[in-house]
């Protein structure tokens, strides 16, 4: 009996971020597999994989995005996973740069669901063998899965950007809340600079009542770092607090630029100098509406993670390095 033949990478693009999938395919030097994913007139989603995936290594690129269709993309991902499972794929990996419902990771009030755990269960029941994601809102979400999860970091790309554009003597890292302090402290350590923290007191979700600065930002360029920007209310208020405390200017670095509602309008009317974000979500249209937005490409990191997984190599190399 012969041993197992080496199998190929099959890259499948969901409809949420086809541009990112094309960049990943280009880095890997492969073509995107044929797939049909569309909605019937009654808005039911239908999926059909257009080529054989039997005994292949399948990677499905689908990010959690969309102001009114995030659930459509989630269902589409589940259907594609299940279609590949039924079609006898050897291994199915869901590449979800921005994990949907990651903010609902705990039971923080009575009778609230732990939705991120439910999403993990859905992905596994559909037939997913592996998850690749980036900058999870809460690292413990990895514990919701019974299959391996590779949580990649935008940190190496962010460090490279800061080193290329700023003199370390003139900058200070700032966390817009206590939850992000660990992320910002790690960046400040690697750059060998100081960091500050903004403590925010919330009355209710998405509404901040008061912000208090801990640290000295006088005459510094403040680099505000967060994992996601949704309505941008926090960032705009944080920028005001920093500038009122003597900061020269405020630059924000965000992994997941959700930018929902009137976020672009808020940024354009704010005192923020610029916002640098990754393309974990499709932001091309938003870049046209806001000249303060800048993009860091994370396709090389995701492509290298896929290549290493497929070849059975270590992925931890990517925690500290940016592939070319």
C-alpha atoms as a PDB file:
ATOM      1  CA  UNK A   1       0.000   0.000   0.000  1.00  0.00           C
ATOM      2  CA  UNK A   2       1.361   3.429  -0.895  1.00  0.00           C
ATOM      3  CA  UNK A   3       1.649   6.250   1.653  1.00  0.00           C
ATOM      4  CA  UNK A   4      -0.597   9.287   1.408  1.00  0.00           C
ATOM      5  CA  UNK A   5       0.129  11.462  -1.604  1.00  0.00           C
ATOM      6  CA  UNK A   6       1.078  15.094  -0.932  1.00  0.00           C
ATOM      7  CA  UNK A   7      -2.063  17.171  -1.249  1.00  0.00           C
ATOM      8  CA  UNK A   8      -2.565  20.674  -2.598  1.00  0.00           C
ATOM      9  CA  UNK A   9      -3.755  23.900  -0.993  1.00  0.00           C
ATOM     10  CA  UNK A  10      -7.267  24.856  -2.068  1.00  0.00           C
ATOM     11  CA  UNK A  11      -7.995  28.496  -1.344  1.00  0.00           C
ATOM     12  CA  UNK A  12     -11.676  29.440  -1.209  1.00  0.00           C
ATOM     13  CA  UNK A  13     -12.886  33.039  -1.034  1.00  0.00           C
ATOM     14  CA  UNK A  14     -16.076  33.894   0.806  1.00  0.00           C
ATOM     15  CA  UNK A  15     -17.827  37.072  -0.343  1.00  0.00           C
ATOM     16  CA  UNK A  16     -16.821  39.167   2.688  1.00  0.00           C
ATOM     17  CA  UNK A  17     -13.307  40.148   1.529  1.00  0.00           C
ATOM     18  CA  UNK A  18     -12.408  38.830  -1.935  1.00  0.00           C
ATOM     19  CA  UNK A  19      -9.621  41.407  -2.337  1.00  0.00           C
ATOM     20  CA  UNK A  20      -7.729  40.006   0.685  1.00  0.00           C
ATOM     21  CA  UNK A  21      -8.110  36.462  -0.675  1.00  0.00           C
ATOM     22  CA  UNK A  22      -6.683  37.570  -4.037  1.00  0.00           C
ATOM     23  CA  UNK A  23      -3.632  39.056  -2.281  1.00  0.00           C
ATOM     24  CA  UNK A  24      -3.113  35.844  -0.278  1.00  0.00           C
ATOM     25  CA  UNK A  25      -3.438  33.722  -3.458  1.00  0.00           C
ATOM     26  CA  UNK A  26      -0.892  35.960  -5.192  1.00  0.00           C
ATOM     27  CA  UNK A  27       1.584  35.539  -2.293  1.00  0.00           C
ATOM     28  CA  UNK A  28       1.121  31.749  -2.370  1.00  0.00           C
ATOM     29  CA  UNK A  29       1.337  31.637  -6.161  1.00  0.00           C
ATOM     30  CA  UNK A  30      -1.932  29.713  -6.532  1.00  0.00           C
ATOM     31  CA  UNK A  31      -5.391  30.347  -7.969  1.00  0.00           C
ATOM     32  CA  UNK A  32      -8.570  30.781  -5.945  1.00  0.00           C
ATOM     33  CA  UNK A  33     -10.814  27.701  -6.188  1.00  0.00           C
ATOM     34  CA  UNK A  34     -14.103  28.019  -8.069  1.00  0.00           C
ATOM     35  CA  UNK A  35     -17.099  28.499  -5.805  1.00  0.00           C
ATOM     36  CA  UNK A  36     -20.613  29.827  -6.140  1.00  0.00           C
ATOM     37  CA  UNK A  37     -22.041  31.552  -3.069  1.00  0.00           C
ATOM     38  CA  UNK A  38     -25.167  33.631  -3.610  1.00  0.00           C
ATOM     39  CA  UNK A  39     -28.528  34.518  -2.109  1.00  0.00           C
ATOM     40  CA  UNK A  40     -31.949  33.501  -3.352  1.00  0.00           C
ATOM     41  CA  UNK A  41     -34.591  36.211  -3.598  1.00  0.00           C
ATOM     42  CA  UNK A  42     -35.888  35.194  -0.150  1.00  0.00           C
ATOM     43  CA  UNK A  43     -32.300  35.948   1.174  1.00  0.00           C
ATOM     44  CA  UNK A  44     -31.452  32.278   1.839  1.00  0.00           C
ATOM     45  CA  UNK A  45     -27.775  31.620   1.132  1.00  0.00           C
ATOM     46  CA  UNK A  46     -26.789  28.881  -1.327  1.00  0.00           C
ATOM     47  CA  UNK A  47     -23.273  27.512  -1.796  1.00  0.00           C
ATOM     48  CA  UNK A  48     -21.697  25.189  -4.385  1.00  0.00           C
ATOM     49  CA  UNK A  49     -17.984  24.347  -4.599  1.00  0.00           C
ATOM     50  CA  UNK A  50     -17.110  24.290  -8.318  1.00  0.00           C
ATOM     51  CA  UNK A  51     -14.169  21.855  -8.258  1.00  0.00           C
ATOM     52  CA  UNK A  52     -13.037  18.715  -6.443  1.00  0.00           C
ATOM     53  CA  UNK A  53     -11.655  19.173  -2.912  1.00  0.00           C
ATOM     54  CA  UNK A  54     -11.409  15.439  -2.116  1.00  0.00           C
ATOM     55  CA  UNK A  55      -8.413  14.782   0.137  1.00  0.00           C
ATOM     56  CA  UNK A  56      -7.211  18.386  -0.256  1.00  0.00           C
ATOM     57  CA  UNK A  57      -6.102  20.966   2.317  1.00  0.00           C
ATOM     58  CA  UNK A  58      -8.852  23.633   2.154  1.00  0.00           C
ATOM     59  CA  UNK A  59      -8.458  27.204   3.446  1.00  0.00           C
ATOM     60  CA  UNK A  60     -11.596  29.358   3.477  1.00  0.00           C
ATOM     61  CA  UNK A  61     -11.025  33.129   3.769  1.00  0.00           C
ATOM     62  CA  UNK A  62     -14.003  34.872   5.387  1.00  0.00           C
ATOM     63  CA  UNK A  63     -13.779  37.809   7.766  1.00  0.00           C
ATOM     64  CA  UNK A  64     -16.431  39.051  10.187  1.00  0.00           C
ATOM     65  CA  UNK A  65     -17.610  42.288   8.614  1.00  0.00           C
ATOM     66  CA  UNK A  66     -20.504  44.279   7.280  1.00  0.00           C
ATOM     67  CA  UNK A  67     -22.827  46.699   9.005  1.00  0.00           C
ATOM     68  CA  UNK A  68     -25.936  44.780   8.012  1.00  0.00           C
ATOM     69  CA  UNK A  69     -24.692  41.493   6.581  1.00  0.00           C
ATOM     70  CA  UNK A  70     -22.216  40.111   9.144  1.00  0.00           C
ATOM     71  CA  UNK A  71     -24.650  37.252   9.854  1.00  0.00           C
ATOM     72  CA  UNK A  72     -25.000  36.476   6.121  1.00  0.00           C
ATOM     73  CA  UNK A  73     -21.219  36.108   5.825  1.00  0.00           C
ATOM     74  CA  UNK A  74     -21.118  33.941   8.946  1.00  0.00           C
ATOM     75  CA  UNK A  75     -23.786  31.591   7.559  1.00  0.00           C
ATOM     76  CA  UNK A  76     -22.001  31.548   4.189  1.00  0.00           C
ATOM     77  CA  UNK A  77     -18.776  30.479   5.948  1.00  0.00           C
ATOM     78  CA  UNK A  78     -20.588  27.664   7.788  1.00  0.00           C
ATOM     79  CA  UNK A  79     -22.179  26.433   4.540  1.00  0.00           C
ATOM     80  CA  UNK A  80     -18.835  26.465   2.668  1.00  0.00           C
ATOM     81  CA  UNK A  81     -17.159  24.535   5.514  1.00  0.00           C
ATOM     82  CA  UNK A  82     -19.957  21.978   5.487  1.00  0.00           C
ATOM     83  CA  UNK A  83     -19.889  21.672   1.670  1.00  0.00           C
ATOM     84  CA  UNK A  84     -16.143  20.897   1.836  1.00  0.00           C
ATOM     85  CA  UNK A  85     -16.629  18.425   4.691  1.00  0.00           C
ATOM     86  CA  UNK A  86     -19.309  16.535   2.744  1.00  0.00           C
ATOM     87  CA  UNK A  87     -17.051  16.643  -0.348  1.00  0.00           C
ATOM     88  CA  UNK A  88     -14.345  14.714   1.608  1.00  0.00           C
ATOM     89  CA  UNK A  89     -11.746  17.465   2.094  1.00  0.00           C
ATOM     90  CA  UNK A  90      -8.780  16.187   4.130  1.00  0.00           C
ATOM     91  CA  UNK A  91      -8.514  19.259   6.367  1.00  0.00           C
ATOM     92  CA  UNK A  92     -10.630  22.425   6.500  1.00  0.00           C
ATOM     93  CA  UNK A  93      -9.158  25.619   7.945  1.00  0.00           C
ATOM     94  CA  UNK A  94     -11.284  28.741   8.402  1.00  0.00           C
ATOM     95  CA  UNK A  95      -9.186  31.899   8.027  1.00  0.00           C
ATOM     96  CA  UNK A  96     -11.187  34.548   9.906  1.00  0.00           C
ATOM     97  CA  UNK A  97      -8.987  37.655  10.340  1.00  0.00           C
ATOM     98  CA  UNK A  98     -11.685  39.464  12.349  1.00  0.00           C
ATOM     99  CA  UNK A  99     -13.531  36.908  14.481  1.00  0.00           C
ATOM    100  CA  UNK A 100     -17.275  37.777  14.564  1.00  0.00           C
ATOM    101  CA  UNK A 101     -18.926  38.358  17.966  1.00  0.00           C
ATOM    102  CA  UNK A 102     -15.513  38.354  19.714  1.00  0.00           C
ATOM    103  CA  UNK A 103     -16.698  41.116  22.066  1.00  0.00           C
ATOM    104  CA  UNK A 104     -19.435  38.834  23.429  1.00  0.00           C
ATOM    105  CA  UNK A 105     -16.939  36.516  25.125  1.00  0.00           C
ATOM    106  CA  UNK A 106     -18.310  36.431  28.698  1.00  0.00           C
ATOM    107  CA  UNK A 107     -21.534  36.442  30.668  1.00  0.00           C
ATOM    108  CA  UNK A 108     -21.283  40.022  31.887  1.00  0.00           C
ATOM    109  CA  UNK A 109     -24.915  40.445  32.907  1.00  0.00           C
ATOM    110  CA  UNK A 110     -27.853  38.253  33.866  1.00  0.00           C
ATOM    111  CA  UNK A 111     -29.414  36.130  31.102  1.00  0.00           C
ATOM    112  CA  UNK A 112     -26.775  37.152  28.504  1.00  0.00           C
ATOM    113  CA  UNK A 113     -25.426  34.549  26.063  1.00  0.00           C
ATOM    114  CA  UNK A 114     -21.718  33.835  25.560  1.00  0.00           C
ATOM    115  CA  UNK A 115     -22.080  34.342  21.816  1.00  0.00           C
ATOM    116  CA  UNK A 116     -18.393  33.859  20.898  1.00  0.00           C
ATOM    117  CA  UNK A 117     -18.608  30.349  22.388  1.00  0.00           C
ATOM    118  CA  UNK A 118     -21.727  29.645  20.300  1.00  0.00           C
ATOM    119  CA  UNK A 119     -19.870  30.747  17.127  1.00  0.00           C
ATOM    120  CA  UNK A 120     -17.011  28.373  18.052  1.00  0.00           C
ATOM    121  CA  UNK A 121     -19.524  25.505  18.404  1.00  0.00           C
ATOM    122  CA  UNK A 122     -21.159  26.343  15.059  1.00  0.00           C
ATOM    123  CA  UNK A 123     -17.798  26.318  13.229  1.00  0.00           C
ATOM    124  CA  UNK A 124     -16.913  22.925  14.719  1.00  0.00           C
ATOM    125  CA  UNK A 125     -20.311  21.358  14.031  1.00  0.00           C
ATOM    126  CA  UNK A 126     -20.069  22.571  10.405  1.00  0.00           C
ATOM    127  CA  UNK A 127     -16.829  20.564  10.077  1.00  0.00           C
ATOM    128  CA  UNK A 128     -13.940  22.990  10.689  1.00  0.00           C
ATOM    129  CA  UNK A 129     -10.602  21.374  11.702  1.00  0.00           C
ATOM    130  CA  UNK A 130      -8.543  24.488  12.338  1.00  0.00           C
ATOM    131  CA  UNK A 131      -8.990  28.258  12.824  1.00  0.00           C
ATOM    132  CA  UNK A 132      -6.623  31.072  11.840  1.00  0.00           C
ATOM    133  CA  UNK A 133      -7.582  34.474  13.216  1.00  0.00           C
ATOM    134  CA  UNK A 134      -5.847  37.731  14.138  1.00  0.00           C
ATOM    135  CA  UNK A 135      -5.726  39.841  17.310  1.00  0.00           C
ATOM    136  CA  UNK A 136      -8.686  38.181  19.018  1.00  0.00           C
ATOM    137  CA  UNK A 137     -10.528  40.655  21.223  1.00  0.00           C
ATOM    138  CA  UNK A 138     -10.033  38.218  24.117  1.00  0.00           C
ATOM    139  CA  UNK A 139      -7.337  35.521  23.886  1.00  0.00           C
ATOM    140  CA  UNK A 140      -9.387  33.089  25.986  1.00  0.00           C
ATOM    141  CA  UNK A 141     -11.791  32.647  23.025  1.00  0.00           C
ATOM    142  CA  UNK A 142      -9.212  30.074  21.860  1.00  0.00           C
ATOM    143  CA  UNK A 143     -10.388  27.943  24.797  1.00  0.00           C
ATOM    144  CA  UNK A 144     -13.926  27.827  23.375  1.00  0.00           C
ATOM    145  CA  UNK A 145     -12.680  25.472  20.626  1.00  0.00           C
ATOM    146  CA  UNK A 146     -11.842  21.765  20.696  1.00  0.00           C
ATOM    147  CA  UNK A 147      -9.785  22.226  17.486  1.00  0.00           C
ATOM    148  CA  UNK A 148      -6.476  24.157  17.152  1.00  0.00           C
ATOM    149  CA  UNK A 149      -6.677  27.954  16.895  1.00  0.00           C
ATOM    150  CA  UNK A 150      -3.792  30.079  15.599  1.00  0.00           C
ATOM    151  CA  UNK A 151      -4.260  33.628  16.870  1.00  0.00           C
ATOM    152  CA  UNK A 152      -1.838  35.710  14.783  1.00  0.00           C
ATOM    153  CA  UNK A 153      -0.719  39.179  15.790  1.00  0.00           C
ATOM    154  CA  UNK A 154      -0.567  42.427  13.846  1.00  0.00           C
ATOM    155  CA  UNK A 155       2.143  43.522  16.330  1.00  0.00           C
ATOM    156  CA  UNK A 156       5.211  42.752  14.107  1.00  0.00           C
ATOM    157  CA  UNK A 157       3.674  44.758  11.223  1.00  0.00           C
ATOM    158  CA  UNK A 158       2.773  47.593  13.626  1.00  0.00           C
ATOM    159  CA  UNK A 159       6.313  47.664  15.082  1.00  0.00           C
ATOM    160  CA  UNK A 160       7.804  47.832  11.603  1.00  0.00           C
ATOM    161  CA  UNK A 161       5.469  50.701  10.651  1.00  0.00           C
ATOM    162  CA  UNK A 162       6.342  52.699  13.802  1.00  0.00           C
ATOM    163  CA  UNK A 163      10.104  52.163  13.346  1.00  0.00           C
ATOM    164  CA  UNK A 164       9.911  53.264   9.691  1.00  0.00           C
ATOM    165  CA  UNK A 165       7.851  56.413  10.335  1.00  0.00           C
ATOM    166  CA  UNK A 166       8.733  57.746  13.810  1.00  0.00           C
ATOM    167  CA  UNK A 167      11.735  58.653  15.904  1.00  0.00           C
ATOM    168  CA  UNK A 168      11.375  56.771  19.203  1.00  0.00           C
ATOM    169  CA  UNK A 169      12.480  59.812  21.260  1.00  0.00           C
ATOM    170  CA  UNK A 170       9.356  61.730  20.207  1.00  0.00           C
ATOM    171  CA  UNK A 171       6.655  59.081  20.689  1.00  0.00           C
ATOM    172  CA  UNK A 172       4.742  57.493  23.541  1.00  0.00           C
ATOM    173  CA  UNK A 173       2.431  54.480  23.282  1.00  0.00           C
ATOM    174  CA  UNK A 174      -1.067  54.934  24.725  1.00  0.00           C
ATOM    175  CA  UNK A 175      -3.815  52.441  25.525  1.00  0.00           C
ATOM    176  CA  UNK A 176      -7.331  53.911  25.195  1.00  0.00           C
ATOM    177  CA  UNK A 177      -8.560  51.633  28.013  1.00  0.00           C
ATOM    178  CA  UNK A 178      -7.321  49.325  30.789  1.00  0.00           C
ATOM    179  CA  UNK A 179      -8.186  46.227  28.711  1.00  0.00           C
ATOM    180  CA  UNK A 180      -5.583  47.070  26.062  1.00  0.00           C
ATOM    181  CA  UNK A 181      -2.787  47.882  28.548  1.00  0.00           C
ATOM    182  CA  UNK A 182      -1.035  44.542  28.046  1.00  0.00           C
ATOM    183  CA  UNK A 183      -0.945  44.964  24.243  1.00  0.00           C
ATOM    184  CA  UNK A 184       0.454  48.502  24.505  1.00  0.00           C
ATOM    185  CA  UNK A 185       2.980  47.576  27.230  1.00  0.00           C
ATOM    186  CA  UNK A 186       4.331  44.822  24.944  1.00  0.00           C
ATOM    187  CA  UNK A 187       4.806  47.298  22.059  1.00  0.00           C
ATOM    188  CA  UNK A 188       6.401  49.907  24.366  1.00  0.00           C
ATOM    189  CA  UNK A 189       8.838  47.275  25.748  1.00  0.00           C
ATOM    190  CA  UNK A 190       9.932  46.214  22.266  1.00  0.00           C
ATOM    191  CA  UNK A 191      10.428  49.830  21.189  1.00  0.00           C
ATOM    192  CA  UNK A 192      12.032  50.694  24.566  1.00  0.00           C
ATOM    193  CA  UNK A 193       9.751  53.706  25.146  1.00  0.00           C
ATOM    194  CA  UNK A 194       7.225  54.869  27.772  1.00  0.00           C
ATOM    195  CA  UNK A 195       3.513  54.155  27.678  1.00  0.00           C
ATOM    196  CA  UNK A 196       0.429  55.839  29.108  1.00  0.00           C
ATOM    197  CA  UNK A 197      -3.086  54.653  29.820  1.00  0.00           C
ATOM    198  CA  UNK A 198      -6.530  56.204  29.625  1.00  0.00           C
ATOM    199  CA  UNK A 199      -9.019  54.994  32.204  1.00  0.00           C
ATOM    200  CA  UNK A 200     -12.585  55.267  30.953  1.00  0.00           C
ATOM    201  CA  UNK A 201     -15.719  55.081  33.048  1.00  0.00           C
ATOM    202  CA  UNK A 202     -18.749  53.806  31.138  1.00  0.00           C
ATOM    203  CA  UNK A 203     -22.386  54.450  31.976  1.00  0.00           C
ATOM    204  CA  UNK A 204     -23.555  51.880  29.378  1.00  0.00           C
ATOM    205  CA  UNK A 205     -22.144  50.038  26.335  1.00  0.00           C
ATOM    206  CA  UNK A 206     -20.732  52.327  23.598  1.00  0.00           C
ATOM    207  CA  UNK A 207     -21.161  55.398  25.826  1.00  0.00           C
ATOM    208  CA  UNK A 208     -18.275  56.820  27.858  1.00  0.00           C
ATOM    209  CA  UNK A 209     -18.888  59.284  30.657  1.00  0.00           C
ATOM    210  CA  UNK A 210     -15.370  60.270  31.762  1.00  0.00           C
ATOM    211  CA  UNK A 211     -11.755  59.641  30.699  1.00  0.00           C
ATOM    212  CA  UNK A 212      -8.728  60.010  32.975  1.00  0.00           C
ATOM    213  CA  UNK A 213      -5.136  59.991  31.682  1.00  0.00           C
ATOM    214  CA  UNK A 214      -2.505  58.031  33.617  1.00  0.00           C
ATOM    215  CA  UNK A 215       0.998  59.047  32.456  1.00  0.00           C
ATOM    216  CA  UNK A 216       2.803  62.072  30.995  1.00  0.00           C
ATOM    217  CA  UNK A 217       2.276  62.811  27.291  1.00  0.00           C
ATOM    218  CA  UNK A 218       3.511  66.424  27.254  1.00  0.00           C
ATOM    219  CA  UNK A 219       5.123  67.382  23.907  1.00  0.00           C
ATOM    220  CA  UNK A 220       4.944  63.788  22.613  1.00  0.00           C
ATOM    221  CA  UNK A 221       3.410  62.179  19.532  1.00  0.00           C
ATOM    222  CA  UNK A 222       0.867  59.799  21.074  1.00  0.00           C
ATOM    223  CA  UNK A 223       0.342  56.461  19.339  1.00  0.00           C
ATOM    224  CA  UNK A 224      -3.026  55.100  20.432  1.00  0.00           C
ATOM    225  CA  UNK A 225      -3.229  51.339  19.873  1.00  0.00           C
ATOM    226  CA  UNK A 226      -6.403  49.219  19.939  1.00  0.00           C
ATOM    227  CA  UNK A 227      -7.550  45.907  18.494  1.00  0.00           C
ATOM    228  CA  UNK A 228     -10.704  47.333  16.911  1.00  0.00           C
ATOM    229  CA  UNK A 229     -12.401  50.622  16.128  1.00  0.00           C
ATOM    230  CA  UNK A 230     -16.163  50.418  15.719  1.00  0.00           C
ATOM    231  CA  UNK A 231     -17.978  53.716  16.229  1.00  0.00           C
ATOM    232  CA  UNK A 232     -14.661  55.527  16.990  1.00  0.00           C
ATOM    233  CA  UNK A 233     -16.216  57.380  19.932  1.00  0.00           C
ATOM    234  CA  UNK A 234     -13.484  56.132  22.292  1.00  0.00           C
ATOM    235  CA  UNK A 235     -10.631  57.107  19.951  1.00  0.00           C
ATOM    236  CA  UNK A 236     -11.982  60.613  19.306  1.00  0.00           C
ATOM    237  CA  UNK A 237     -12.499  61.306  23.016  1.00  0.00           C
ATOM    238  CA  UNK A 238      -9.103  59.797  23.866  1.00  0.00           C
ATOM    239  CA  UNK A 239      -7.452  62.088  21.301  1.00  0.00           C
ATOM    240  CA  UNK A 240      -9.107  65.122  22.948  1.00  0.00           C
ATOM    241  CA  UNK A 241      -7.865  64.036  26.399  1.00  0.00           C
ATOM    242  CA  UNK A 242      -4.292  63.545  25.117  1.00  0.00           C
ATOM    243  CA  UNK A 243      -4.147  66.850  23.212  1.00  0.00           C
ATOM    244  CA  UNK A 244      -5.657  68.695  26.197  1.00  0.00           C
ATOM    245  CA  UNK A 245      -2.802  67.234  28.274  1.00  0.00           C
ATOM    246  CA  UNK A 246      -0.093  68.669  26.024  1.00  0.00           C
ATOM    247  CA  UNK A 247       0.391  66.013  23.349  1.00  0.00           C
ATOM    248  CA  UNK A 248       1.817  67.228  19.998  1.00  0.00           C
ATOM    249  CA  UNK A 249      -0.422  64.996  17.876  1.00  0.00           C
ATOM    250  CA  UNK A 250      -2.359  61.732  18.076  1.00  0.00           C
ATOM    251  CA  UNK A 251      -1.937  58.801  15.698  1.00  0.00           C
ATOM    252  CA  UNK A 252      -4.134  55.682  16.050  1.00  0.00           C
ATOM    253  CA  UNK A 253      -3.119  52.149  15.052  1.00  0.00           C
ATOM    254  CA  UNK A 254      -6.015  49.698  14.778  1.00  0.00           C
ATOM    255  CA  UNK A 255      -6.079  46.031  13.740  1.00  0.00           C
ATOM    256  CA  UNK A 256      -9.768  45.724  12.828  1.00  0.00           C
ATOM    257  CA  UNK A 257     -11.269  48.885  11.315  1.00  0.00           C
ATOM    258  CA  UNK A 258     -14.996  48.139  11.622  1.00  0.00           C
ATOM    259  CA  UNK A 259     -15.879  51.854  11.300  1.00  0.00           C
ATOM    260  CA  UNK A 260     -19.644  51.422  11.469  1.00  0.00           C
ATOM    261  CA  UNK A 261     -22.374  54.077  11.484  1.00  0.00           C
ATOM    262  CA  UNK A 262     -21.003  57.622  11.230  1.00  0.00           C
ATOM    263  CA  UNK A 263     -17.447  56.626  12.280  1.00  0.00           C
ATOM    264  CA  UNK A 264     -15.839  58.194   9.158  1.00  0.00           C
ATOM    265  CA  UNK A 265     -17.630  61.484   9.814  1.00  0.00           C
ATOM    266  CA  UNK A 266     -16.412  61.404  13.442  1.00  0.00           C
ATOM    267  CA  UNK A 267     -12.802  60.817  12.320  1.00  0.00           C
ATOM    268  CA  UNK A 268     -12.983  63.647   9.754  1.00  0.00           C
ATOM    269  CA  UNK A 269     -14.297  66.025  12.437  1.00  0.00           C
ATOM    270  CA  UNK A 270     -11.878  64.830  15.163  1.00  0.00           C
ATOM    271  CA  UNK A 271      -8.432  66.030  16.247  1.00  0.00           C
ATOM    272  CA  UNK A 272      -6.825  62.712  15.302  1.00  0.00           C
ATOM    273  CA  UNK A 273      -3.888  63.197  12.910  1.00  0.00           C
ATOM    274  CA  UNK A 274      -4.274  59.801  11.210  1.00  0.00           C
ATOM    275  CA  UNK A 275      -5.546  56.257  11.701  1.00  0.00           C
ATOM    276  CA  UNK A 276      -3.470  53.317  10.499  1.00  0.00           C
ATOM    277  CA  UNK A 277      -5.379  50.047  10.198  1.00  0.00           C
ATOM    278  CA  UNK A 278      -4.864  46.604   8.684  1.00  0.00           C
ATOM    279  CA  UNK A 279      -6.899  45.203   5.792  1.00  0.00           C
ATOM    280  CA  UNK A 280      -8.401  42.450   7.985  1.00  0.00           C
ATOM    281  CA  UNK A 281     -11.689  44.040   6.881  1.00  0.00           C
ATOM    282  CA  UNK A 282     -12.495  45.554   3.464  1.00  0.00           C
ATOM    283  CA  UNK A 283     -11.770  49.281   3.866  1.00  0.00           C
ATOM    284  CA  UNK A 284     -11.102  50.412   0.275  1.00  0.00           C
ATOM    285  CA  UNK A 285     -14.325  52.456   0.081  1.00  0.00           C
ATOM    286  CA  UNK A 286     -13.615  54.045   3.477  1.00  0.00           C
ATOM    287  CA  UNK A 287     -10.072  55.008   2.398  1.00  0.00           C
ATOM    288  CA  UNK A 288     -11.682  57.106  -0.371  1.00  0.00           C
ATOM    289  CA  UNK A 289     -13.948  58.885   2.146  1.00  0.00           C
ATOM    290  CA  UNK A 290     -11.242  59.687   4.707  1.00  0.00           C
ATOM    291  CA  UNK A 291      -7.738  60.891   3.819  1.00  0.00           C
ATOM    292  CA  UNK A 292      -6.622  60.292   7.415  1.00  0.00           C
ATOM    293  CA  UNK A 293      -6.935  56.521   6.982  1.00  0.00           C
ATOM    294  CA  UNK A 294      -3.853  54.483   6.046  1.00  0.00           C
ATOM    295  CA  UNK A 295      -3.576  50.723   5.465  1.00  0.00           C
ATOM    296  CA  UNK A 296      -1.096  48.054   6.579  1.00  0.00           C
ATOM    297  CA  UNK A 297      -1.320  44.884   4.440  1.00  0.00           C
ATOM    298  CA  UNK A 298      -1.599  41.684   6.509  1.00  0.00           C
ATOM    299  CA  UNK A 299      -1.997  39.360   3.485  1.00  0.00           C
ATOM    300  CA  UNK A 300       1.714  38.302   3.654  1.00  0.00           C
ATOM    301  CA  UNK A 301       1.285  37.205   7.294  1.00  0.00           C
ATOM    302  CA  UNK A 302      -1.876  35.194   6.542  1.00  0.00           C
ATOM    303  CA  UNK A 303      -0.326  33.662   3.398  1.00  0.00           C
ATOM    304  CA  UNK A 304       2.798  32.613   5.317  1.00  0.00           C
ATOM    305  CA  UNK A 305       0.622  31.121   8.108  1.00  0.00           C
ATOM    306  CA  UNK A 306      -1.257  29.056   5.482  1.00  0.00           C
ATOM    307  CA  UNK A 307       2.000  27.920   3.839  1.00  0.00           C
ATOM    308  CA  UNK A 308       3.537  26.934   7.191  1.00  0.00           C
ATOM    309  CA  UNK A 309       0.413  25.085   8.329  1.00  0.00           C
ATOM    310  CA  UNK A 310       0.207  23.186   5.068  1.00  0.00           C
ATOM    311  CA  UNK A 311       3.881  22.176   5.262  1.00  0.00           C
ATOM    312  CA  UNK A 312       3.740  21.298   8.967  1.00  0.00           C
ATOM    313  CA  UNK A 313       6.081  24.116  10.017  1.00  0.00           C
ATOM    314  CA  UNK A 314       5.922  26.278  13.146  1.00  0.00           C
ATOM    315  CA  UNK A 315       3.584  29.284  12.988  1.00  0.00           C
ATOM    316  CA  UNK A 316       5.096  30.978  16.098  1.00  0.00           C
ATOM    317  CA  UNK A 317       7.791  32.514  13.842  1.00  0.00           C
ATOM    318  CA  UNK A 318       5.070  34.977  12.734  1.00  0.00           C
ATOM    319  CA  UNK A 319       4.544  36.247  16.299  1.00  0.00           C
ATOM    320  CA  UNK A 320       7.774  38.245  16.007  1.00  0.00           C
ATOM    321  CA  UNK A 321       8.483  38.543  12.282  1.00  0.00           C
ATOM    322  CA  UNK A 322       6.869  40.109   9.222  1.00  0.00           C
ATOM    323  CA  UNK A 323       7.146  37.934   6.082  1.00  0.00           C
ATOM    324  CA  UNK A 324       8.094  39.792   2.897  1.00  0.00           C
END
